[in-house]
Each structure stands twice: as C-alpha cells, then as structure tokens.
C-alpha cells in the first residue's frame, strides 16, 4: 500500500475517525520519541561512566570545538 493509498483511505473515513486516527498517530510518535530519548540518555550515562565524555559549559565546549 502506497502513502497515497493510505491518504485516500483516511479521507474516506468519517471526520471523527480521522481525528481519532490523528490522535493515535501523534501519541505513538510521542511514545517512540520518548523511548528513543531514554536509549540516548542510557548511552550517554554509560559513556560518562566510562570516561568517554567531557564536562563543561556550552561556551567551553564550543571553544574546544572551534580551536
């Protein structure tokens, strides 16, 4: 099923069903993003504990990047 087929199928739904579908899709996107953030935080914490990161202010980090 192509993206356009999906759009056409959604357009055939009653307005209330379309709104419900939008809410469900948005909620799922939020949940997936939240899960991704949790993974990134865990990886960052592991890197920090392993001494693979540096602590500093944004200004200090930018100076180091630009030097």
PDB file of N, CA and C in Angstrom:
ATOM      1  N   UNK A   1       0.851  -1.180   0.000  1.00  0.00           N
ATOM      2  CA  UNK A   1       0.000   0.000   0.000  1.00  0.00           C
ATOM      3  C   UNK A   1       0.894   1.240   0.000  1.00  0.00           C
ATOM      4  N   UNK A   2       0.664   2.133  -0.913  1.00  0.00           N
ATOM      5  CA  UNK A   2       1.481   3.343  -1.005  1.00  0.00           C
ATOM      6  C   UNK A   2       0.978   4.405  -0.024  1.00  0.00           C
ATOM      7  N   UNK A   3       1.812   5.402   0.167  1.00  0.00           N
ATOM      8  CA  UNK A   3       1.457   6.515   1.043  1.00  0.00           C
ATOM      9  C   UNK A   3       0.173   7.180   0.547  1.00  0.00           C
ATOM     10  N   UNK A   4       0.072   7.363  -0.767  1.00  0.00           N
ATOM     11  CA  UNK A   4      -1.113   7.999  -1.348  1.00  0.00           C
ATOM     12  C   UNK A   4      -2.362   7.149  -1.114  1.00  0.00           C
ATOM     13  N   UNK A   5      -2.212   5.830  -1.195  1.00  0.00           N
ATOM     14  CA  UNK A   5      -3.340   4.936  -0.914  1.00  0.00           C
ATOM     15  C   UNK A   5      -3.831   5.116   0.517  1.00  0.00           C
ATOM     16  N   UNK A   6      -2.879   5.247   1.421  1.00  0.00           N
ATOM     17  CA  UNK A   6      -3.237   5.450   2.829  1.00  0.00           C
ATOM     18  C   UNK A   6      -3.988   6.765   2.992  1.00  0.00           C
ATOM     19  N   UNK A   7      -3.478   7.821   2.373  1.00  0.00           N
ATOM     20  CA  UNK A   7      -4.156   9.120   2.471  1.00  0.00           C
ATOM     21  C   UNK A   7      -5.578   9.051   1.927  1.00  0.00           C
ATOM     22  N   UNK A   8      -5.740   8.383   0.803  1.00  0.00           N
ATOM     23  CA  UNK A   8      -7.079   8.261   0.220  1.00  0.00           C
ATOM     24  C   UNK A   8      -7.999   7.466   1.131  1.00  0.00           C
ATOM     25  N   UNK A   9      -7.468   6.406   1.758  1.00  0.00           N
ATOM     26  CA  UNK A   9      -8.273   5.604   2.668  1.00  0.00           C
ATOM     27  C   UNK A   9      -8.687   6.433   3.881  1.00  0.00           C
ATOM     28  N   UNK A  10      -7.770   7.243   4.385  1.00  0.00           N
ATOM     29  CA  UNK A  10      -8.085   8.095   5.542  1.00  0.00           C
ATOM     30  C   UNK A  10      -9.153   9.115   5.172  1.00  0.00           C
ATOM     31  N   UNK A  11      -9.064   9.670   3.983  1.00  0.00           N
ATOM     32  CA  UNK A  11     -10.046  10.662   3.555  1.00  0.00           C
ATOM     33  C   UNK A  11     -11.455  10.073   3.456  1.00  0.00           C
ATOM     34  N   UNK A  12     -11.554   8.773   3.273  1.00  0.00           N
ATOM     35  CA  UNK A  12     -12.864   8.116   3.190  1.00  0.00           C
ATOM     36  C   UNK A  12     -13.481   7.881   4.563  1.00  0.00           C
ATOM     37  N   UNK A  13     -12.675   7.994   5.603  1.00  0.00           N
ATOM     38  CA  UNK A  13     -13.188   7.806   6.961  1.00  0.00           C
ATOM     39  C   UNK A  13     -14.052   8.987   7.378  1.00  0.00           C
ATOM     40  N   UNK A  14     -14.999   8.750   8.286  1.00  0.00           N
ATOM     41  CA  UNK A  14     -15.751   9.882   8.846  1.00  0.00           C
ATOM     42  C   UNK A  14     -14.803  10.825   9.594  1.00  0.00           C
ATOM     43  N   UNK A  15     -15.183  12.068   9.701  1.00  0.00           N
ATOM     44  CA  UNK A  15     -14.354  13.092  10.334  1.00  0.00           C
ATOM     45  C   UNK A  15     -13.903  12.672  11.729  1.00  0.00           C
ATOM     46  N   UNK A  16     -14.810  12.137  12.521  1.00  0.00           N
ATOM     47  CA  UNK A  16     -14.475  11.740  13.892  1.00  0.00           C
ATOM     48  C   UNK A  16     -13.394  10.650  13.894  1.00  0.00           C
ATOM     49  N   UNK A  17     -13.498   9.698  12.977  1.00  0.00           N
ATOM     50  CA  UNK A  17     -12.486   8.638  12.882  1.00  0.00           C
ATOM     51  C   UNK A  17     -11.139   9.198  12.435  1.00  0.00           C
ATOM     52  N   UNK A  18     -11.172  10.174  11.545  1.00  0.00           N
ATOM     53  CA  UNK A  18      -9.923  10.814  11.112  1.00  0.00           C
ATOM     54  C   UNK A  18      -9.246  11.494  12.299  1.00  0.00           C
ATOM     55  N   UNK A  19     -10.043  12.193  13.109  1.00  0.00           N
ATOM     56  CA  UNK A  19      -9.489  12.880  14.274  1.00  0.00           C
ATOM     57  C   UNK A  19      -8.926  11.877  15.284  1.00  0.00           C
ATOM     58  N   UNK A  20      -9.620  10.770  15.485  1.00  0.00           N
ATOM     59  CA  UNK A  20      -9.136   9.734  16.383  1.00  0.00           C
ATOM     60  C   UNK A  20      -7.832   9.148  15.862  1.00  0.00           C
ATOM     61  N   UNK A  21      -7.772   8.905  14.567  1.00  0.00           N
ATOM     62  CA  UNK A  21      -6.557   8.374  13.945  1.00  0.00           C
ATOM     63  C   UNK A  21      -5.382   9.329  14.148  1.00  0.00           C
ATOM     64  N   UNK A  22      -5.622  10.613  13.964  1.00  0.00           N
ATOM     65  CA  UNK A  22      -4.567  11.617  14.157  1.00  0.00           C
ATOM     66  C   UNK A  22      -4.069  11.575  15.597  1.00  0.00           C
ATOM     67  N   UNK A  23      -4.979  11.501  16.552  1.00  0.00           N
ATOM     68  CA  UNK A  23      -4.591  11.444  17.966  1.00  0.00           C
ATOM     69  C   UNK A  23      -3.747  10.210  18.258  1.00  0.00           C
ATOM     70  N   UNK A  24      -4.159   9.072  17.703  1.00  0.00           N
ATOM     71  CA  UNK A  24      -3.420   7.827  17.927  1.00  0.00           C
ATOM     72  C   UNK A  24      -2.022   7.916  17.331  1.00  0.00           C
ATOM     73  N   UNK A  25      -1.918   8.403  16.106  1.00  0.00           N
ATOM     74  CA  UNK A  25      -0.614   8.520  15.449  1.00  0.00           C
ATOM     75  C   UNK A  25       0.285   9.479  16.216  1.00  0.00           C
ATOM     76  N   UNK A  26      -0.252  10.597  16.638  1.00  0.00           N
ATOM     77  CA  UNK A  26       0.543  11.570  17.401  1.00  0.00           C
ATOM     78  C   UNK A  26       1.024  10.962  18.717  1.00  0.00           C
ATOM     79  N   UNK A  27       0.147  10.261  19.414  1.00  0.00           N
ATOM     80  CA  UNK A  27       0.515   9.637  20.683  1.00  0.00           C
ATOM     81  C   UNK A  27       1.617   8.605  20.479  1.00  0.00           C
ATOM     82  N   UNK A  28       1.499   7.818  19.417  1.00  0.00           N
ATOM     83  CA  UNK A  28       2.524   6.808  19.136  1.00  0.00           C
ATOM     84  C   UNK A  28       3.857   7.444  18.784  1.00  0.00           C
ATOM     85  N   UNK A  29       3.820   8.551  18.045  1.00  0.00           N
ATOM     86  CA  UNK A  29       5.066   9.265  17.736  1.00  0.00           C
ATOM     87  C   UNK A  29       5.727   9.757  19.014  1.00  0.00           C
ATOM     88  N   UNK A  30       4.935  10.298  19.911  1.00  0.00           N
ATOM     89  CA  UNK A  30       5.464  10.786  21.186  1.00  0.00           C
ATOM     90  C   UNK A  30       6.078   9.637  21.977  1.00  0.00           C
ATOM     91  N   UNK A  31       5.389   8.506  22.014  1.00  0.00           N
ATOM     92  CA  UNK A  31       5.906   7.349  22.744  1.00  0.00           C
ATOM     93  C   UNK A  31       7.212   6.847  22.144  1.00  0.00           C
ATOM     94  N   UNK A  32       7.291   6.794  20.802  1.00  0.00           N
ATOM     95  CA  UNK A  32       8.530   6.352  20.151  1.00  0.00           C
ATOM     96  C   UNK A  32       9.668   7.324  20.429  1.00  0.00           C
ATOM     97  N   UNK A  33       9.387   8.605  20.376  1.00  0.00           N
ATOM     98  CA  UNK A  33      10.423   9.606  20.645  1.00  0.00           C
ATOM     99  C   UNK A  33      10.891   9.507  22.089  1.00  0.00           C
ATOM    100  N   UNK A  34       9.944   9.319  23.000  1.00  0.00           N
ATOM    101  CA  UNK A  34      10.293   9.174  24.414  1.00  0.00           C
ATOM    102  C   UNK A  34      11.198   7.958  24.620  1.00  0.00           C
ATOM    103  N   UNK A  35      10.877   6.849  23.976  1.00  0.00           N
ATOM    104  CA  UNK A  35      11.701   5.645  24.085  1.00  0.00           C
ATOM    105  C   UNK A  35      13.095   5.890  23.516  1.00  0.00           C
ATOM    106  N   UNK A  36      13.177   6.638  22.411  1.00  0.00           N
ATOM    107  CA  UNK A  36      14.480   6.956  21.824  1.00  0.00           C
ATOM    108  C   UNK A  36      15.306   7.825  22.765  1.00  0.00           C
ATOM    109  N   UNK A  37      14.670   8.793  23.408  1.00  0.00           N
ATOM    110  CA  UNK A  37      15.369   9.663  24.359  1.00  0.00           C
ATOM    111  C   UNK A  37      15.898   8.840  25.523  1.00  0.00           C
ATOM    112  N   UNK A  38      15.107   7.883  26.006  1.00  0.00           N
ATOM    113  CA  UNK A  38      15.541   7.019  27.109  1.00  0.00           C
ATOM    114  C   UNK A  38      16.803   6.252  26.690  1.00  0.00           C
ATOM    115  N   UNK A  39      16.825   5.729  25.469  1.00  0.00           N
ATOM    116  CA  UNK A  39      18.002   4.999  24.977  1.00  0.00           C
ATOM    117  C   UNK A  39      19.216   5.921  24.886  1.00  0.00           C
ATOM    118  N   UNK A  40      19.010   7.144  24.386  1.00  0.00           N
ATOM    119  CA  UNK A  40      20.117   8.089  24.251  1.00  0.00           C
ATOM    120  C   UNK A  40      20.668   8.491  25.618  1.00  0.00           C
ATOM    121  N   UNK A  41      19.790   8.670  26.588  1.00  0.00           N
ATOM    122  CA  UNK A  41      20.239   9.016  27.936  1.00  0.00           C
ATOM    123  C   UNK A  41      21.051   7.872  28.528  1.00  0.00           C
ATOM    124  N   UNK A  42      20.570   6.640  28.358  1.00  0.00           N
ATOM    125  CA  UNK A  42      21.298   5.478  28.878  1.00  0.00           C
ATOM    126  C   UNK A  42      22.679   5.382  28.235  1.00  0.00           C
ATOM    127  N   UNK A  43      22.767   5.601  26.926  1.00  0.00           N
ATOM    128  CA  UNK A  43      24.057   5.547  26.236  1.00  0.00           C
ATOM    129  C   UNK A  43      24.973   6.664  26.722  1.00  0.00           C
ATOM    130  N   UNK A  44      24.421   7.837  26.946  1.00  0.00           N
ATOM    131  CA  UNK A  44      25.218   8.956  27.443  1.00  0.00           C
ATOM    132  C   UNK A  44      25.744   8.679  28.846  1.00  0.00           C
ATOM    133  N   UNK A  45      24.907   8.092  29.676  1.00  0.00           N
ATOM    134  CA  UNK A  45      25.348   7.766  31.033  1.00  0.00           C
ATOM    135  C   UNK A  45      26.455   6.716  31.014  1.00  0.00           C
ATOM    136  N   UNK A  46      26.325   5.716  30.130  1.00  0.00           N
ATOM    137  CA  UNK A  46      27.381   4.701  30.023  1.00  0.00           C
ATOM    138  C   UNK A  46      28.687   5.344  29.557  1.00  0.00           C
ATOM    139  N   UNK A  47      28.602   6.232  28.588  1.00  0.00           N
ATOM    140  CA  UNK A  47      29.797   6.916  28.089  1.00  0.00           C
ATOM    141  C   UNK A  47      30.422   7.770  29.185  1.00  0.00           C
ATOM    142  N   UNK A  48      29.590   8.441  29.969  1.00  0.00           N
ATOM    143  CA  UNK A  48      30.090   9.276  31.065  1.00  0.00           C
ATOM    144  C   UNK A  48      30.813   8.426  32.101  1.00  0.00           C
ATOM    145  N   UNK A  49      30.181   7.296  32.498  1.00  0.00           N
ATOM    146  CA  UNK A  49      30.800   6.411  33.493  1.00  0.00           C
ATOM    147  C   UNK A  49      32.106   5.812  32.977  1.00  0.00           C
ATOM    148  N   UNK A  50      32.195   5.608  31.669  1.00  0.00           N
ATOM    149  CA  UNK A  50      33.407   5.031  31.077  1.00  0.00           C
ATOM    150  C   UNK A  50      34.472   6.097  30.831  1.00  0.00           C
ATOM    151  N   UNK A  51      34.169   7.345  31.159  1.00  0.00           N
ATOM    152  CA  UNK A  51      35.143   8.422  30.984  1.00  0.00           C
ATOM    153  C   UNK A  51      35.301   8.868  29.543  1.00  0.00           C
ATOM    154  N   UNK A  52      34.298   8.619  28.726  1.00  0.00           N
ATOM    155  CA  UNK A  52      34.384   8.972  27.301  1.00  0.00           C
ATOM    156  C   UNK A  52      33.757  10.326  26.989  1.00  0.00           C
ATOM    157  N   UNK A  53      33.339  11.038  28.014  1.00  0.00           N
ATOM    158  CA  UNK A  53      32.735  12.350  27.789  1.00  0.00           C
ATOM    159  C   UNK A  53      33.490  13.406  28.585  1.00  0.00           C
ATOM    160  N   UNK A  54      33.272  14.639  28.202  1.00  0.00           N
ATOM    161  CA  UNK A  54      33.874  15.753  28.920  1.00  0.00           C
ATOM    162  C   UNK A  54      32.772  16.619  29.486  1.00  0.00           C
ATOM    163  N   UNK A  55      33.016  17.164  30.644  1.00  0.00           N
ATOM    164  CA  UNK A  55      32.057  18.046  31.298  1.00  0.00           C
ATOM    165  C   UNK A  55      32.490  19.480  31.049  1.00  0.00           C
ATOM    166  N   UNK A  56      31.538  20.333  30.733  1.00  0.00           N
ATOM    167  CA  UNK A  56      31.847  21.740  30.526  1.00  0.00           C
ATOM    168  C   UNK A  56      30.610  22.524  30.186  1.00  0.00           C
ATOM    169  N   UNK A  57      30.769  23.825  30.212  1.00  0.00           N
ATOM    170  CA  UNK A  57      29.660  24.690  29.829  1.00  0.00           C
ATOM    171  C   UNK A  57      29.555  24.684  28.314  1.00  0.00           C
ATOM    172  N   UNK A  58      28.428  25.102  27.768  1.00  0.00           N
ATOM    173  CA  UNK A  58      28.318  25.183  26.319  1.00  0.00           C
ATOM    174  C   UNK A  58      29.418  26.061  25.701  1.00  0.00           C
ATOM    175  N   UNK A  59      29.754  27.152  26.378  1.00  0.00           N
ATOM    176  CA  UNK A  59      30.801  28.040  25.864  1.00  0.00           C
ATOM    177  C   UNK A  59      32.150  27.320  25.824  1.00  0.00           C
ATOM    178  N   UNK A  60      32.465  26.553  26.868  1.00  0.00           N
ATOM    179  CA  UNK A  60      33.732  25.810  26.896  1.00  0.00           C
ATOM    180  C   UNK A  60      33.773  24.756  25.787  1.00  0.00           C
ATOM    181  N   UNK A  61      32.688  24.078  25.611  1.00  0.00           N
ATOM    182  CA  UNK A  61      32.632  23.051  24.573  1.00  0.00           C
ATOM    183  C   UNK A  61      32.800  23.670  23.199  1.00  0.00           C
ATOM    184  N   UNK A  62      32.126  24.792  22.950  1.00  0.00           N
ATOM    185  CA  UNK A  62      32.247  25.465  21.654  1.00  0.00           C
ATOM    186  C   UNK A  62      33.669  25.957  21.415  1.00  0.00           C
ATOM    187  N   UNK A  63      34.329  26.485  22.457  1.00  0.00           N
ATOM    188  CA  UNK A  63      35.726  26.922  22.303  1.00  0.00           C
ATOM    189  C   UNK A  63      36.598  25.743  21.899  1.00  0.00           C
ATOM    190  N   UNK A  64      36.366  24.597  22.528  1.00  0.00           N
ATOM    191  CA  UNK A  64      37.166  23.415  22.213  1.00  0.00           C
ATOM    192  C   UNK A  64      36.880  22.943  20.782  1.00  0.00           C
ATOM    193  N   UNK A  65      35.643  22.970  20.366  1.00  0.00           N
ATOM    194  CA  UNK A  65      35.300  22.560  19.007  1.00  0.00           C
ATOM    195  C   UNK A  65      35.951  23.478  17.980  1.00  0.00           C
ATOM    196  N   UNK A  66      35.931  24.767  18.251  1.00  0.00           N
ATOM    197  CA  UNK A  66      36.437  25.756  17.287  1.00  0.00           C
ATOM    198  C   UNK A  66      37.951  25.903  17.317  1.00  0.00           C
ATOM    199  N   UNK A  67      38.619  25.339  18.291  1.00  0.00           N
ATOM    200  CA  UNK A  67      40.075  25.508  18.361  1.00  0.00           C
ATOM    201  C   UNK A  67      40.820  24.408  17.628  1.00  0.00           C
TER     202      UNK A  67
END
